[in-house]
Amino acid sequence: MDVTRVPVDTATRGPGGTTNTYLLGSDGAVLVDPAAQTGDLDDAVDAVSVGHIVVTHYHPDHVGAVAEYASTCDATLWARTGRTSAFEAATGVAPDRTFAPGDSIRTADGTVGIVDTPGHTQEHVALTWGRGAVVGDLAVAAGSVVVGAPDGDMRAYLTSLRRLRARGFGTLYPGHGPVIDDPEATLARLLDHRLDREESIRRAVVAGARTVEEVLDEAYEKDLTGVRDLARATTVCHLEKLAVEGDLNFDGARAEP
């Protein structure tokens, strides 16, 4: 499957300030995450025949130009089953068809599978073929992914990382930053990072931190200037996970051992 990656400028806080839009194949190609309409993306779209438009999830920096390309391409617009209202609210346009995890989209160049990868958001999916996968905001080549309240689910996110790791992909195409050429190492690193952060949050509560802000100050040893809101949202997701698993009590505002 030929893959064209087009970074487009968006109001994202991801690596490089851009979101990656992808074209999978050339004849009946799948346009993935049209984040904004740009000259570069217009050129890439014009160079192929787009047959399908799909998004990995509904965050604004991934769906900003869905309506524009849906109106200019003779393509089928897809949304996840059961989440069409949220899709239309995010994109401003109703889908033509729906998919469920496990379904596939057929193009002249091959079949693209839909894999359930919730965690960053509830509706998040990856698009797969052979040993390649477009993974949206599941993974990045450097740094980590925000899994933040209220949309995020840390238990689901870790399961999604493990699910993709078990598939043994050769290349991952993330929503932000460069292509991931060593998925095994990257997915292992992201898992380790999240479990290490979880342990630091658990220790913070045991040591006496009670409010989310107290846990945040105790668990993070780095300067959070400019990203404190993201770290706070992620901390809440970790606390929710630990509470569900019975490691501590958390009512949304205060944590107790």
Protein backbone atom coordinates (compact mmCIF):
# COMPACT_ATOMS: atom_id res chain seq x y z
CA MET A 1 0.00 0.00 0.00
CA ASP A 2 1.43 3.35 -1.03
CA VAL A 3 1.29 5.89 1.81
CA THR A 4 1.46 9.66 1.35
CA ARG A 5 2.00 11.70 4.52
CA VAL A 6 1.13 15.40 4.45
CA PRO A 7 1.82 17.42 7.63
CA VAL A 8 -0.59 20.34 7.86
CA ASP A 9 -0.50 23.29 10.23
CA THR A 10 -3.17 23.09 12.92
CA ALA A 11 -3.90 24.52 16.34
CA THR A 12 -2.35 21.44 17.94
CA ARG A 13 0.12 21.17 20.77
CA GLY A 14 1.55 18.03 19.22
CA PRO A 15 5.09 17.74 17.82
CA GLY A 16 5.93 20.44 15.28
CA GLY A 17 2.55 22.15 15.52
CA THR A 18 1.23 20.01 12.67
CA THR A 19 -1.17 17.12 12.20
CA ASN A 20 -0.37 14.36 9.74
CA THR A 21 -2.96 13.69 7.05
CA TYR A 22 -2.48 10.46 5.11
CA LEU A 23 -3.51 9.09 1.74
CA LEU A 24 -3.54 5.29 1.60
CA GLY A 25 -3.26 3.99 -1.95
CA SER A 26 -3.90 5.90 -5.16
CA ASP A 27 -6.95 4.34 -6.86
CA GLY A 28 -9.92 4.77 -4.56
CA ALA A 29 -7.49 6.00 -1.89
CA VAL A 30 -8.40 6.44 1.76
CA LEU A 31 -7.94 10.02 2.99
CA VAL A 32 -7.23 9.86 6.73
CA ASP A 33 -7.57 12.77 9.16
CA PRO A 34 -7.90 15.75 6.80
CA ALA A 35 -6.99 18.22 9.50
CA ALA A 36 -6.93 21.44 7.45
CA GLN A 37 -7.16 22.40 3.81
CA THR A 38 -3.74 23.43 2.49
CA GLY A 39 -2.08 23.72 -0.89
CA ASP A 40 0.12 20.73 -0.17
CA LEU A 41 -2.84 18.58 0.78
CA ASP A 42 -4.84 19.78 -2.22
CA ASP A 43 -1.93 18.75 -4.47
CA ALA A 44 -1.69 15.33 -2.82
CA VAL A 45 -5.44 14.76 -3.15
CA ASP A 46 -5.42 15.88 -6.78
CA ALA A 47 -2.63 13.38 -7.55
CA VAL A 48 -4.81 10.37 -6.63
CA SER A 49 -8.40 9.21 -6.82
CA VAL A 50 -9.89 9.51 -3.33
CA GLY A 51 -12.57 6.92 -2.66
CA HIS A 52 -12.96 7.14 1.12
CA ILE A 53 -12.53 9.65 3.94
CA VAL A 54 -11.93 8.35 7.49
CA VAL A 55 -10.78 9.92 10.75
CA THR A 56 -9.02 8.20 13.62
CA HIS A 57 -10.91 10.31 16.17
CA TYR A 58 -12.93 13.49 16.44
CA HIS A 59 -10.54 16.03 17.96
CA PRO A 60 -10.55 19.35 16.05
CA ASP A 61 -6.93 19.03 14.92
CA HIS A 62 -7.83 15.83 13.05
CA VAL A 63 -11.16 16.74 11.43
CA GLY A 64 -10.83 20.40 10.48
CA ALA A 65 -11.16 19.90 6.73
CA VAL A 66 -13.43 16.84 6.58
CA ALA A 67 -16.35 18.90 5.26
CA GLU A 68 -14.22 20.63 2.61
CA TYR A 69 -12.77 17.42 1.18
CA ALA A 70 -16.08 15.59 1.47
CA SER A 71 -17.58 18.24 -0.81
CA THR A 72 -14.76 18.22 -3.37
CA CYS A 73 -13.92 14.51 -3.54
CA ASP A 74 -16.21 11.85 -4.98
CA ALA A 75 -15.64 9.79 -1.87
CA THR A 76 -17.53 7.87 0.80
CA LEU A 77 -17.42 9.60 4.18
CA TRP A 78 -17.19 7.13 7.06
CA ALA A 79 -17.91 7.43 10.79
CA ARG A 80 -17.86 4.97 13.64
CA THR A 81 -21.11 3.14 14.33
CA GLY A 82 -22.92 4.58 17.32
CA ARG A 83 -21.01 7.86 17.18
CA THR A 84 -22.45 9.52 14.10
CA SER A 85 -23.96 12.41 16.06
CA ALA A 86 -20.60 13.21 17.62
CA PHE A 87 -18.96 12.91 14.21
CA GLU A 88 -21.40 15.35 12.65
CA ALA A 89 -20.99 17.77 15.54
CA ALA A 90 -17.21 17.66 15.15
CA THR A 91 -17.05 17.87 11.36
CA GLY A 92 -20.19 19.75 10.38
CA VAL A 93 -21.22 17.05 7.92
CA ALA A 94 -23.12 13.76 8.19
CA PRO A 95 -21.36 10.52 7.20
CA ASP A 96 -22.38 8.41 4.25
CA ARG A 97 -21.61 5.08 5.91
CA THR A 98 -20.53 3.69 9.26
CA PHE A 99 -17.93 1.13 10.33
CA ALA A 100 -17.33 -0.94 13.43
CA PRO A 101 -13.99 -2.21 14.70
CA GLY A 102 -13.10 -5.31 12.74
CA ASP A 103 -14.64 -3.99 9.54
CA SER A 104 -12.52 -3.20 6.50
CA ILE A 105 -12.58 -0.72 3.64
CA ARG A 106 -11.69 -2.04 0.20
CA THR A 107 -9.77 0.01 -2.32
CA ALA A 108 -8.28 -0.88 -5.70
CA ASP A 109 -4.87 -0.98 -4.00
CA GLY A 110 -5.79 -3.23 -1.08
CA THR A 111 -7.91 -3.57 2.03
CA VAL A 112 -7.68 -1.23 5.02
CA GLY A 113 -8.77 -2.72 8.35
CA ILE A 114 -10.33 -0.91 11.29
CA VAL A 115 -8.81 -1.70 14.71
CA ASP A 116 -10.33 -0.47 17.96
CA THR A 117 -7.76 1.67 19.84
CA PRO A 118 -9.65 3.71 22.46
CA GLY A 119 -7.94 5.58 25.25
CA HIS A 120 -6.93 8.96 23.86
CA THR A 121 -10.64 9.23 23.05
CA GLN A 122 -13.43 6.70 23.27
CA GLU A 123 -14.01 6.51 19.51
CA HIS A 124 -10.33 6.25 18.52
CA VAL A 125 -9.41 3.69 15.84
CA ALA A 126 -6.32 2.71 13.88
CA LEU A 127 -6.28 1.90 10.16
CA THR A 128 -4.19 -1.11 9.22
CA TRP A 129 -2.90 -3.00 6.17
CA GLY A 130 -0.15 -5.59 5.89
CA ARG A 131 2.53 -4.50 8.38
CA GLY A 132 1.54 -0.82 8.42
CA ALA A 133 -0.91 1.16 10.53
CA VAL A 134 -2.10 4.76 10.81
CA VAL A 135 -2.41 5.17 14.58
CA GLY A 136 -3.70 8.71 15.12
CA ASP A 137 -2.93 9.87 18.65
CA LEU A 138 -2.17 6.43 20.03
CA ALA A 139 1.61 6.78 19.62
CA VAL A 140 4.34 9.28 18.79
CA ALA A 141 7.98 8.72 17.88
CA ALA A 142 9.25 10.91 20.73
CA GLY A 143 7.63 12.09 23.94
CA SER A 144 4.25 10.81 25.06
CA VAL A 145 0.56 11.05 24.21
CA VAL A 146 -1.92 13.01 26.32
CA VAL A 147 -4.57 10.71 27.76
CA GLY A 148 -6.62 13.28 29.59
CA ALA A 149 -9.96 13.67 31.30
CA PRO A 150 -12.76 13.89 30.44
CA ASP A 151 -12.34 12.08 27.08
CA GLY A 152 -9.40 9.85 27.96
CA ASP A 153 -9.39 6.40 29.53
CA MET A 154 -6.01 5.20 30.78
CA ARG A 155 -7.00 1.54 31.13
CA ALA A 156 -8.25 1.51 27.54
CA TYR A 157 -5.15 3.34 26.32
CA LEU A 158 -2.76 0.79 27.79
CA THR A 159 -4.85 -2.02 26.31
CA SER A 160 -4.71 -0.34 22.90
CA LEU A 161 -0.92 -0.04 23.07
CA ARG A 162 -0.65 -3.72 23.93
CA ARG A 163 -3.10 -4.65 21.16
CA LEU A 164 -1.02 -2.93 18.49
CA ARG A 165 2.23 -4.24 19.93
CA ALA A 166 0.91 -7.79 19.67
CA ARG A 167 0.17 -7.30 15.98
CA GLY A 168 3.86 -6.84 15.18
CA PHE A 169 3.56 -3.96 12.73
CA GLY A 170 6.66 -2.88 10.83
CA THR A 171 5.75 0.81 10.52
CA LEU A 172 3.38 3.11 12.38
CA TYR A 173 2.10 6.36 10.93
CA PRO A 174 1.20 8.70 13.83
CA GLY A 175 -1.05 11.71 13.89
CA HIS A 176 1.82 13.98 14.88
CA GLY A 177 5.54 13.91 14.21
CA PRO A 178 7.67 11.56 12.13
CA VAL A 179 6.88 8.04 10.99
CA ILE A 180 7.67 5.35 13.57
CA ASP A 181 10.08 2.80 12.07
CA ASP A 182 10.55 0.74 15.24
CA PRO A 183 7.04 0.13 16.58
CA GLU A 184 8.12 -2.50 19.12
CA ALA A 185 10.53 -0.13 20.86
CA THR A 186 8.16 2.84 20.66
CA LEU A 187 5.12 1.01 22.00
CA ALA A 188 7.21 -0.55 24.79
CA ARG A 189 8.55 2.90 25.69
CA LEU A 190 5.06 4.40 25.83
CA LEU A 191 3.81 1.54 28.00
CA ASP A 192 6.75 1.88 30.37
CA HIS A 193 6.29 5.65 30.57
CA ARG A 194 2.64 5.38 31.50
CA LEU A 195 3.28 2.65 34.10
CA ASP A 196 6.14 4.66 35.60
CA ARG A 197 3.89 7.72 35.83
CA GLU A 198 1.18 5.59 37.40
CA GLU A 199 3.61 4.42 40.08
CA SER A 200 4.73 7.98 40.83
CA ILE A 201 1.08 9.02 41.23
CA ARG A 202 0.37 6.08 43.52
CA ARG A 203 3.39 6.98 45.65
CA ALA A 204 2.28 10.60 45.80
CA VAL A 205 -1.10 9.60 47.27
CA VAL A 206 0.52 7.25 49.76
CA ALA A 207 2.86 10.08 50.79
CA GLY A 208 -0.09 12.33 51.60
CA ALA A 209 -1.07 14.15 48.40
CA ARG A 210 -4.84 14.44 48.29
CA THR A 211 -6.03 17.00 45.76
CA VAL A 212 -5.28 16.62 42.06
CA GLU A 213 -2.96 19.63 42.24
CA GLU A 214 -1.05 18.12 45.16
CA VAL A 215 -0.69 14.80 43.35
CA LEU A 216 0.46 16.63 40.23
CA ASP A 217 3.12 18.60 42.11
CA GLU A 218 4.39 15.48 43.85
CA ALA A 219 4.33 13.08 40.90
CA TYR A 220 5.90 15.26 38.21
CA GLU A 221 9.55 16.14 38.65
CA LYS A 222 9.82 18.29 35.53
CA ASP A 223 8.84 21.88 34.75
CA LEU A 224 5.21 21.89 33.62
CA THR A 225 5.14 25.45 32.33
CA GLY A 226 2.82 25.56 29.34
CA VAL A 227 1.64 21.98 29.72
CA ARG A 228 0.31 21.88 33.29
CA ASP A 229 -3.29 21.61 32.09
CA LEU A 230 -2.40 18.57 29.98
CA ALA A 231 -0.48 16.95 32.84
CA ARG A 232 -3.39 17.62 35.18
CA ALA A 233 -5.90 15.97 32.81
CA THR A 234 -3.59 12.97 32.45
CA THR A 235 -3.15 12.73 36.22
CA VAL A 236 -6.92 12.56 36.63
CA CYS A 237 -7.05 9.66 34.16
CA HIS A 238 -4.34 7.83 36.09
CA LEU A 239 -6.23 8.38 39.37
CA GLU A 240 -9.44 7.11 37.78
CA LYS A 241 -7.65 3.98 36.59
CA LEU A 242 -6.11 3.33 40.01
CA ALA A 243 -9.50 3.82 41.66
CA VAL A 244 -11.25 1.38 39.30
CA GLU A 245 -8.54 -1.18 40.02
CA GLY A 246 -8.92 -0.72 43.79
CA ASP A 247 -5.49 0.76 44.45
CA LEU A 248 -6.90 3.97 45.95
CA ASN A 249 -10.09 5.97 46.36
CA PHE A 250 -10.76 8.95 44.10
CA ASP A 251 -13.96 10.97 43.90
CA GLY A 252 -12.90 13.22 41.06
CA ALA A 253 -11.42 15.83 43.35
CA ARG A 254 -9.61 14.09 46.19
CA ALA A 255 -7.61 10.87 46.43
CA GLU A 256 -7.14 8.64 49.47
CA PRO A 257 -4.97 5.54 49.93
